[in-house]
PDB file of all heavy atoms in Angstrom:
ATOM      1  N   ALA A   1      51.125  23.794  11.629  1.00  0.00           N
ATOM      2  CA  ALA A   1      51.167  24.068  13.034  1.00  0.00           C
ATOM      3  C   ALA A   1      50.163  23.209  13.760  1.00  0.00           C
ATOM      4  O   ALA A   1      49.333  22.539  13.133  1.00  0.00           O
ATOM      5  CB  ALA A   1      50.879  25.570  13.318  1.00  0.00           C
ATOM      6  N   VAL A   2      50.230  23.224  15.090  1.00  0.00           N
ATOM      7  CA  VAL A   2      49.142  22.692  15.893  1.00  0.00           C
ATOM      8  C   VAL A   2      48.141  23.820  16.072  1.00  0.00           C
ATOM      9  O   VAL A   2      48.481  24.901  16.508  1.00  0.00           O
ATOM     10  CB  VAL A   2      49.636  22.185  17.233  1.00  0.00           C
ATOM     11  CG1 VAL A   2      48.458  21.718  18.096  1.00  0.00           C
ATOM     12  CG2 VAL A   2      50.625  21.033  17.060  1.00  0.00           C
ATOM     13  N   TYR A   3      46.906  23.543  15.713  1.00  0.00           N
ATOM     14  CA  TYR A   3      45.845  24.539  15.807  1.00  0.00           C
ATOM     15  C   TYR A   3      45.012  24.286  17.040  1.00  0.00           C
ATOM     16  O   TYR A   3      44.549  23.165  17.285  1.00  0.00           O
ATOM     17  CB  TYR A   3      44.979  24.495  14.555  1.00  0.00           C
ATOM     18  CG  TYR A   3      45.603  25.172  13.376  1.00  0.00           C
ATOM     19  CD1 TYR A   3      46.680  24.565  12.716  1.00  0.00           C
ATOM     20  CD2 TYR A   3      45.141  26.400  12.906  1.00  0.00           C
ATOM     21  CE1 TYR A   3      47.291  25.195  11.632  1.00  0.00           C
ATOM     22  CE2 TYR A   3      45.742  27.020  11.832  1.00  0.00           C
ATOM     23  CZ  TYR A   3      46.811  26.423  11.199  1.00  0.00           C
ATOM     24  OH  TYR A   3      47.406  27.039  10.130  1.00  0.00           O
ATOM     25  N   TYR A   4      44.814  25.338  17.805  1.00  0.00           N
ATOM     26  CA  TYR A   4      44.054  25.265  19.054  1.00  0.00           C
ATOM     27  C   TYR A   4      42.809  26.169  18.963  1.00  0.00           C
ATOM     28  O   TYR A   4      42.888  27.280  18.476  1.00  0.00           O
ATOM     29  CB  TYR A   4      44.870  25.757  20.232  1.00  0.00           C
ATOM     30  CG  TYR A   4      46.134  24.964  20.522  1.00  0.00           C
ATOM     31  CD1 TYR A   4      47.338  25.300  19.948  1.00  0.00           C
ATOM     32  CD2 TYR A   4      46.080  23.862  21.378  1.00  0.00           C
ATOM     33  CE1 TYR A   4      48.494  24.575  20.181  1.00  0.00           C
ATOM     34  CE2 TYR A   4      47.227  23.143  21.650  1.00  0.00           C
ATOM     35  CZ  TYR A   4      48.429  23.506  21.057  1.00  0.00           C
ATOM     36  OH  TYR A   4      49.557  22.778  21.353  1.00  0.00           O
ATOM     37  N   CYS A   5      41.690  25.662  19.433  1.00  0.00           N
ATOM     38  CA  CYS A   5      40.565  26.544  19.607  1.00  0.00           C
ATOM     39  C   CYS A   5      40.502  26.990  21.076  1.00  0.00           C
ATOM     40  O   CYS A   5      40.988  26.260  21.964  1.00  0.00           O
ATOM     41  CB  CYS A   5      39.252  25.913  19.158  1.00  0.00           C
ATOM     42  SG  CYS A   5      38.638  24.537  20.158  1.00  0.00           S
ATOM     43  N   ALA A   6      39.967  28.132  21.286  1.00  0.00           N
ATOM     44  CA  ALA A   6      39.906  28.710  22.614  1.00  0.00           C
ATOM     45  C   ALA A   6      38.587  29.445  22.819  1.00  0.00           C
ATOM     46  O   ALA A   6      37.957  29.899  21.847  1.00  0.00           O
ATOM     47  CB  ALA A   6      41.070  29.672  22.829  1.00  0.00           C
ATOM     48  N   ALA A   7      38.175  29.523  24.052  1.00  0.00           N
ATOM     49  CA  ALA A   7      36.934  30.190  24.382  1.00  0.00           C
ATOM     50  C   ALA A   7      37.132  31.189  25.539  1.00  0.00           C
ATOM     51  O   ALA A   7      37.980  30.957  26.417  1.00  0.00           O
ATOM     52  CB  ALA A   7      35.875  29.155  24.802  1.00  0.00           C
ATOM     53  N   ARG A   8      36.378  32.240  25.511  1.00  0.00           N
ATOM     54  CA  ARG A   8      36.367  33.204  26.596  1.00  0.00           C
ATOM     55  C   ARG A   8      34.948  33.588  26.885  1.00  0.00           C
ATOM     56  O   ARG A   8      34.136  33.752  25.945  1.00  0.00           O
ATOM     57  CB  ARG A   8      37.221  34.414  26.277  1.00  0.00           C
ATOM     58  CG  ARG A   8      36.719  35.269  25.117  1.00  0.00           C
ATOM     59  CD  ARG A   8      37.516  36.569  24.968  1.00  0.00           C
ATOM     60  NE  ARG A   8      37.516  37.368  26.165  1.00  0.00           N
ATOM     61  CZ  ARG A   8      36.588  38.268  26.496  1.00  0.00           C
ATOM     62  NH1 ARG A   8      35.567  38.468  25.666  1.00  0.00           N
ATOM     63  NH2 ARG A   8      36.671  38.934  27.629  1.00  0.00           N
ATOM     64  N   PHE A   9      34.633  33.761  28.139  1.00  0.00           N
ATOM     65  CA  PHE A   9      33.284  34.166  28.505  1.00  0.00           C
ATOM     66  C   PHE A   9      33.149  35.641  28.202  1.00  0.00           C
ATOM     67  O   PHE A   9      33.855  36.475  28.780  1.00  0.00           O
ATOM     68  CB  PHE A   9      33.015  33.892  29.994  1.00  0.00           C
ATOM     69  CG  PHE A   9      31.618  34.197  30.405  1.00  0.00           C
ATOM     70  CD1 PHE A   9      30.575  33.313  30.099  1.00  0.00           C
ATOM     71  CD2 PHE A   9      31.322  35.341  31.092  1.00  0.00           C
ATOM     72  CE1 PHE A   9      29.289  33.591  30.479  1.00  0.00           C
ATOM     73  CE2 PHE A   9      30.012  35.635  31.467  1.00  0.00           C
ATOM     74  CZ  PHE A   9      28.990  34.761  31.158  1.00  0.00           C
ATOM     75  N   GLY A  10      32.245  35.945  27.298  1.00  0.00           N
ATOM     76  CA  GLY A  10      32.036  37.326  26.869  1.00  0.00           C
ATOM     77  C   GLY A  10      31.859  37.392  25.390  1.00  0.00           C
ATOM     78  O   GLY A  10      32.083  36.422  24.663  1.00  0.00           O
ATOM     79  N   ALA A  11      31.473  38.554  24.940  1.00  0.00           N
ATOM     80  CA  ALA A  11      31.109  38.716  23.528  1.00  0.00           C
ATOM     81  C   ALA A  11      32.298  39.050  22.632  1.00  0.00           C
ATOM     82  O   ALA A  11      32.296  38.708  21.440  1.00  0.00           O
ATOM     83  CB  ALA A  11      30.030  39.788  23.369  1.00  0.00           C
ATOM     84  N   VAL A  12      33.291  39.750  23.182  1.00  0.00           N
ATOM     85  CA  VAL A  12      34.356  40.341  22.364  1.00  0.00           C
ATOM     86  C   VAL A  12      35.402  39.282  22.016  1.00  0.00           C
ATOM     87  O   VAL A  12      35.992  38.661  22.912  1.00  0.00           O
ATOM     88  CB  VAL A  12      34.998  41.506  23.074  1.00  0.00           C
ATOM     89  CG1 VAL A  12      36.088  42.122  22.202  1.00  0.00           C
ATOM     90  CG2 VAL A  12      33.952  42.554  23.412  1.00  0.00           C
ATOM     91  N   PRO A  13      35.702  39.119  20.733  1.00  0.00           N
ATOM     92  CA  PRO A  13      36.684  38.144  20.300  1.00  0.00           C
ATOM     93  C   PRO A  13      38.119  38.733  20.263  1.00  0.00           C
ATOM     94  O   PRO A  13      38.677  39.021  19.188  1.00  0.00           O
ATOM     95  CB  PRO A  13      36.201  37.774  18.897  1.00  0.00           C
ATOM     96  CG  PRO A  13      35.589  39.034  18.384  1.00  0.00           C
ATOM     97  CD  PRO A  13      34.960  39.694  19.566  1.00  0.00           C
ATOM     98  N   TYR A  14      38.724  38.890  21.414  1.00  0.00           N
ATOM     99  CA  TYR A  14      40.051  39.425  21.496  1.00  0.00           C
ATOM    100  C   TYR A  14      41.065  38.547  20.754  1.00  0.00           C
ATOM    101  O   TYR A  14      40.803  37.369  20.510  1.00  0.00           O
ATOM    102  CB  TYR A  14      40.495  39.583  22.953  1.00  0.00           C
ATOM    103  CG  TYR A  14      39.681  40.607  23.711  1.00  0.00           C
ATOM    104  CD1 TYR A  14      38.740  40.209  24.671  1.00  0.00           C
ATOM    105  CD2 TYR A  14      39.869  41.966  23.484  1.00  0.00           C
ATOM    106  CE1 TYR A  14      38.010  41.158  25.369  1.00  0.00           C
ATOM    107  CE2 TYR A  14      39.137  42.911  24.166  1.00  0.00           C
ATOM    108  CZ  TYR A  14      38.213  42.492  25.141  1.00  0.00           C
ATOM    109  OH  TYR A  14      37.482  43.439  25.825  1.00  0.00           O
ATOM    110  N   ASN A  15      42.206  39.138  20.423  1.00  0.00           N
ATOM    111  CA  ASN A  15      43.185  38.423  19.618  1.00  0.00           C
ATOM    112  C   ASN A  15      44.424  38.012  20.390  1.00  0.00           C
ATOM    113  O   ASN A  15      45.455  37.700  19.804  1.00  0.00           O
ATOM    114  CB  ASN A  15      43.591  39.263  18.397  1.00  0.00           C
ATOM    115  CG  ASN A  15      44.260  40.588  18.776  1.00  0.00           C
ATOM    116  OD1 ASN A  15      44.426  40.907  19.959  1.00  0.00           O
ATOM    117  ND2 ASN A  15      44.646  41.331  17.759  1.00  0.00           N
ATOM    118  N   THR A  16      44.350  38.002  21.694  1.00  0.00           N
ATOM    119  CA  THR A  16      45.488  37.629  22.525  1.00  0.00           C
ATOM    120  C   THR A  16      45.151  36.378  23.344  1.00  0.00           C
ATOM    121  O   THR A  16      44.029  36.253  23.871  1.00  0.00           O
ATOM    122  CB  THR A  16      45.895  38.746  23.474  1.00  0.00           C
ATOM    123  OG1 THR A  16      44.791  39.112  24.297  1.00  0.00           O
ATOM    124  CG2 THR A  16      46.398  39.961  22.689  1.00  0.00           C
ATOM    125  N   PRO A  17      46.078  35.425  23.447  1.00  0.00           N
ATOM    126  CA  PRO A  17      45.785  34.211  24.211  1.00  0.00           C
ATOM    127  C   PRO A  17      45.390  34.438  25.654  1.00  0.00           C
ATOM    128  O   PRO A  17      44.600  33.670  26.204  1.00  0.00           O
ATOM    129  CB  PRO A  17      47.125  33.452  24.119  1.00  0.00           C
ATOM    130  CG  PRO A  17      47.793  33.965  22.893  1.00  0.00           C
ATOM    131  CD  PRO A  17      47.388  35.407  22.815  1.00  0.00           C
ATOM    132  N   SER A  18      45.939  35.495  26.256  1.00  0.00           N
ATOM    133  CA  SER A  18      45.667  35.743  27.673  1.00  0.00           C
ATOM    134  C   SER A  18      44.217  36.063  27.943  1.00  0.00           C
ATOM    135  O   SER A  18      43.789  35.973  29.111  1.00  0.00           O
ATOM    136  CB  SER A  18      46.564  36.880  28.178  1.00  0.00           C
ATOM    137  OG  SER A  18      46.322  38.080  27.512  1.00  0.00           O
ATOM    138  N   GLN A  19      43.476  36.446  26.947  1.00  0.00           N
ATOM    139  CA  GLN A  19      42.084  36.791  27.141  1.00  0.00           C
ATOM    140  C   GLN A  19      41.154  35.574  27.109  1.00  0.00           C
ATOM    141  O   GLN A  19      39.967  35.718  27.413  1.00  0.00           O
ATOM    142  CB  GLN A  19      41.633  37.752  26.041  1.00  0.00           C
ATOM    143  CG  GLN A  19      42.286  39.129  26.111  1.00  0.00           C
ATOM    144  CD  GLN A  19      41.738  39.958  27.291  1.00  0.00           C
ATOM    145  OE1 GLN A  19      40.714  39.608  27.887  1.00  0.00           O
ATOM    146  NE2 GLN A  19      42.412  41.041  27.600  1.00  0.00           N
ATOM    147  N   TYR A  20      41.672  34.423  26.807  1.00  0.00           N
ATOM    148  CA  TYR A  20      40.861  33.211  26.690  1.00  0.00           C
ATOM    149  C   TYR A  20      41.029  32.306  27.885  1.00  0.00           C
ATOM    150  O   TYR A  20      42.145  32.093  28.381  1.00  0.00           O
ATOM    151  CB  TYR A  20      41.183  32.496  25.368  1.00  0.00           C
ATOM    152  CG  TYR A  20      40.680  33.286  24.191  1.00  0.00           C
ATOM    153  CD1 TYR A  20      41.413  34.345  23.670  1.00  0.00           C
ATOM    154  CD2 TYR A  20      39.457  32.978  23.606  1.00  0.00           C
ATOM    155  CE1 TYR A  20      40.949  35.085  22.602  1.00  0.00           C
ATOM    156  CE2 TYR A  20      38.974  33.722  22.530  1.00  0.00           C
ATOM    157  CZ  TYR A  20      39.722  34.783  22.048  1.00  0.00           C
ATOM    158  OH  TYR A  20      39.236  35.524  20.987  1.00  0.00           O
ATOM    159  N   ASN A  21      39.926  31.746  28.300  1.00  0.00           N
ATOM    160  CA  ASN A  21      39.898  30.969  29.536  1.00  0.00           C
ATOM    161  C   ASN A  21      40.026  29.464  29.322  1.00  0.00           C
ATOM    162  O   ASN A  21      40.535  28.752  30.193  1.00  0.00           O
ATOM    163  CB  ASN A  21      38.573  31.224  30.265  1.00  0.00           C
ATOM    164  CG  ASN A  21      38.291  32.690  30.479  1.00  0.00           C
ATOM    165  OD1 ASN A  21      37.400  33.257  29.829  1.00  0.00           O
ATOM    166  ND2 ASN A  21      39.060  33.339  31.337  1.00  0.00           N
ATOM    167  N   TYR A  22      39.568  28.982  28.176  1.00  0.00           N
ATOM    168  CA  TYR A  22      39.498  27.549  27.935  1.00  0.00           C
ATOM    169  C   TYR A  22      40.158  27.239  26.605  1.00  0.00           C
ATOM    170  O   TYR A  22      40.011  27.947  25.644  1.00  0.00           O
ATOM    171  CB  TYR A  22      38.040  27.077  27.946  1.00  0.00           C
ATOM    172  CG  TYR A  22      37.297  27.507  29.173  1.00  0.00           C
ATOM    173  CD1 TYR A  22      36.443  28.580  29.132  1.00  0.00           C
ATOM    174  CD2 TYR A  22      37.425  26.813  30.378  1.00  0.00           C
ATOM    175  CE1 TYR A  22      35.739  28.991  30.271  1.00  0.00           C
ATOM    176  CE2 TYR A  22      36.739  27.194  31.490  1.00  0.00           C
ATOM    177  CZ  TYR A  22      35.917  28.301  31.460  1.00  0.00           C
ATOM    178  OH  TYR A  22      35.215  28.692  32.564  1.00  0.00           O
ATOM    179  N   TRP A  23      40.822  26.075  26.615  1.00  0.00           N
ATOM    180  CA  TRP A  23      41.596  25.679  25.419  1.00  0.00           C
ATOM    181  C   TRP A  23      41.373  24.205  25.092  1.00  0.00           C
ATOM    182  O   TRP A  23      41.234  23.371  26.011  1.00  0.00           O
ATOM    183  CB  TRP A  23      43.075  25.913  25.665  1.00  0.00           C
ATOM    184  CG  TRP A  23      43.456  27.348  25.800  1.00  0.00           C
ATOM    185  CD1 TRP A  23      43.340  28.115  26.905  1.00  0.00           C
ATOM    186  CD2 TRP A  23      43.915  28.201  24.764  1.00  0.00           C
ATOM    187  NE1 TRP A  23      43.743  29.406  26.635  1.00  0.00           N
ATOM    188  CE2 TRP A  23      44.098  29.479  25.325  1.00  0.00           C
ATOM    189  CE3 TRP A  23      44.227  28.018  23.413  1.00  0.00           C
ATOM    190  CZ2 TRP A  23      44.573  30.570  24.589  1.00  0.00           C
ATOM    191  CZ3 TRP A  23      44.701  29.089  22.678  1.00  0.00           C
ATOM    192  CH2 TRP A  23      44.869  30.336  23.279  1.00  0.00           C
ATOM    193  N   GLY A  24      41.366  23.903  23.807  1.00  0.00           N
ATOM    194  CA  GLY A  24      41.323  22.519  23.397  1.00  0.00           C
ATOM    195  C   GLY A  24      42.720  21.908  23.397  1.00  0.00           C
ATOM    196  O   GLY A  24      43.703  22.552  23.731  1.00  0.00           O
TER     197      GLY A  24
END
């Protein structure tokens, strides 16, 4: 697959894409 890293401001590592603000 194509693997993407993502970041969200905050401590909790949610498992849904919608929770992440930034993407590689």
